[in-house]
Protein backbone atom coordinates (compact mmCIF):
# COMPACT_ATOMS: atom_id res chain seq x y z
CA MET A 1 -52.06 -11.98 21.75
CA ILE A 2 -48.69 -13.35 21.06
CA GLY A 3 -48.54 -9.63 18.86
CA ALA A 4 -50.04 -7.87 21.76
CA ILE A 5 -47.18 -8.62 24.05
CA ALA A 6 -43.59 -6.63 23.01
CA ALA A 7 -40.44 -7.35 24.64
CA PRO A 8 -38.07 -4.47 24.90
CA ARG A 9 -35.84 -4.34 22.25
CA PRO A 10 -32.11 -6.02 24.32
CA VAL A 11 -29.06 -2.53 24.78
CA GLY A 12 -26.68 -3.13 22.20
CA VAL A 13 -28.87 -5.57 19.15
CA ASP A 14 -27.83 -2.18 16.22
CA GLU A 15 -24.58 -2.95 17.29
CA LEU A 16 -24.38 -6.88 16.73
CA ALA A 17 -26.46 -6.81 13.21
CA LEU A 18 -24.22 -7.54 10.20
CA GLN A 19 -22.62 -4.03 8.51
CA PRO A 20 -23.37 -3.63 4.58
CA ALA A 21 -22.25 -5.09 2.03
CA GLY A 22 -20.14 -1.31 0.69
CA ALA A 23 -19.73 -1.20 4.30
CA LEU A 24 -17.48 -4.25 4.02
CA ARG A 25 -16.21 -3.35 0.38
CA ALA A 26 -14.79 0.28 1.83
CA LEU A 27 -12.94 -1.59 4.73
CA TYR A 28 -11.35 -3.78 2.19
CA ARG A 29 -10.06 -0.82 -0.04
CA ARG A 30 -9.07 1.07 2.77
CA THR A 31 -6.56 -2.53 4.07
CA ARG A 32 -5.30 -2.71 0.63
CA PHE A 33 -3.99 0.96 0.83
CA VAL A 34 -2.54 1.24 3.98
CA ALA A 35 -0.80 -2.40 3.06
CA GLY A 36 0.12 -0.73 -0.20
CA ILE A 37 1.57 2.55 1.53
CA ALA A 38 3.43 -0.01 4.27
CA PHE A 39 5.06 -2.01 1.79
CA CYS A 40 5.98 1.07 0.08
CA VAL A 41 7.94 2.35 3.32
CA LEU A 42 9.62 -1.16 3.81
CA SER A 43 10.94 -1.14 0.32
CA LEU A 44 12.13 2.54 0.10
CA GLY A 45 13.79 1.80 3.75
CA ALA A 46 15.11 -1.72 2.12
CA CYS A 47 16.58 0.41 -0.71
CA VAL A 48 18.24 2.87 1.77
CA LEU A 49 19.64 -0.08 3.59
CA VAL A 50 21.03 -1.39 0.25
CA ALA A 51 22.29 1.98 -0.80
CA ARG A 52 24.01 2.66 2.28
CA ARG A 53 25.84 -1.16 2.02
CA LEU A 54 26.74 -0.82 -1.89
CA SER A 55 28.69 3.00 -0.51
CA GLU A 56 30.85 1.35 2.42
CA ALA A 57 31.89 -1.43 -0.96
CA SER A 58 34.55 -0.01 -3.66
CA TRP A 59 32.50 -1.00 -6.85
CA PRO A 60 30.32 -0.10 -8.44
CA LEU A 61 28.91 3.07 -6.68
CA GLU A 62 32.67 4.42 -6.08
CA GLY A 63 33.48 8.11 -7.93
CA ALA A 64 29.90 7.72 -8.94
CA HIS A 65 28.53 11.15 -9.81
CA VAL A 66 25.65 11.33 -7.27
CA PRO A 67 22.88 13.42 -8.99
CA LEU A 68 23.78 10.97 -12.94
CA VAL A 69 23.00 8.13 -10.24
CA PHE A 70 19.72 9.66 -8.89
CA LEU A 71 19.05 10.40 -12.73
CA ALA A 72 19.69 6.96 -13.68
CA ALA A 73 17.06 5.71 -11.76
CA SER A 74 14.16 8.19 -12.30
CA ALA A 75 14.50 7.40 -15.54
CA TYR A 76 14.88 3.53 -14.94
CA LEU A 77 11.67 4.12 -11.90
CA THR A 78 9.98 5.77 -14.93
CA THR A 79 9.68 3.72 -17.93
CA GLY A 80 9.12 0.78 -15.59
CA SER A 81 5.49 3.15 -14.53
CA ARG A 82 5.32 3.20 -18.91
CA ARG A 83 5.68 -0.41 -19.55
CA LYS A 84 3.21 -0.87 -16.71
CA SER A 85 0.33 1.04 -18.25
CA SER A 86 1.26 0.43 -21.75
CA TRP A 87 0.16 -3.04 -20.55
CA THR A 88 -2.71 -2.42 -18.69
CA GLY A 89 -4.04 -0.39 -22.09
CA LEU A 90 -4.00 -4.10 -24.26
């Protein structure tokens, strides 16, 4: 007799159900990606501020050739990424 009486389902119950684990995993990955992008943007901003501060100083960038400075910085960053990739392969 109890099974014959069906109460209508309250509105909004579907929205209260827990999300599947895959959706939470995707949200976690998306959050990590956005946090990584934000960290990169903040790091680049800090580098610009430091470069502006150092460019006002008499040393070490006085009389430096800007293309050579960028070449040295890119070479250093490239070697750093290559070192990281070689360590992850071990």
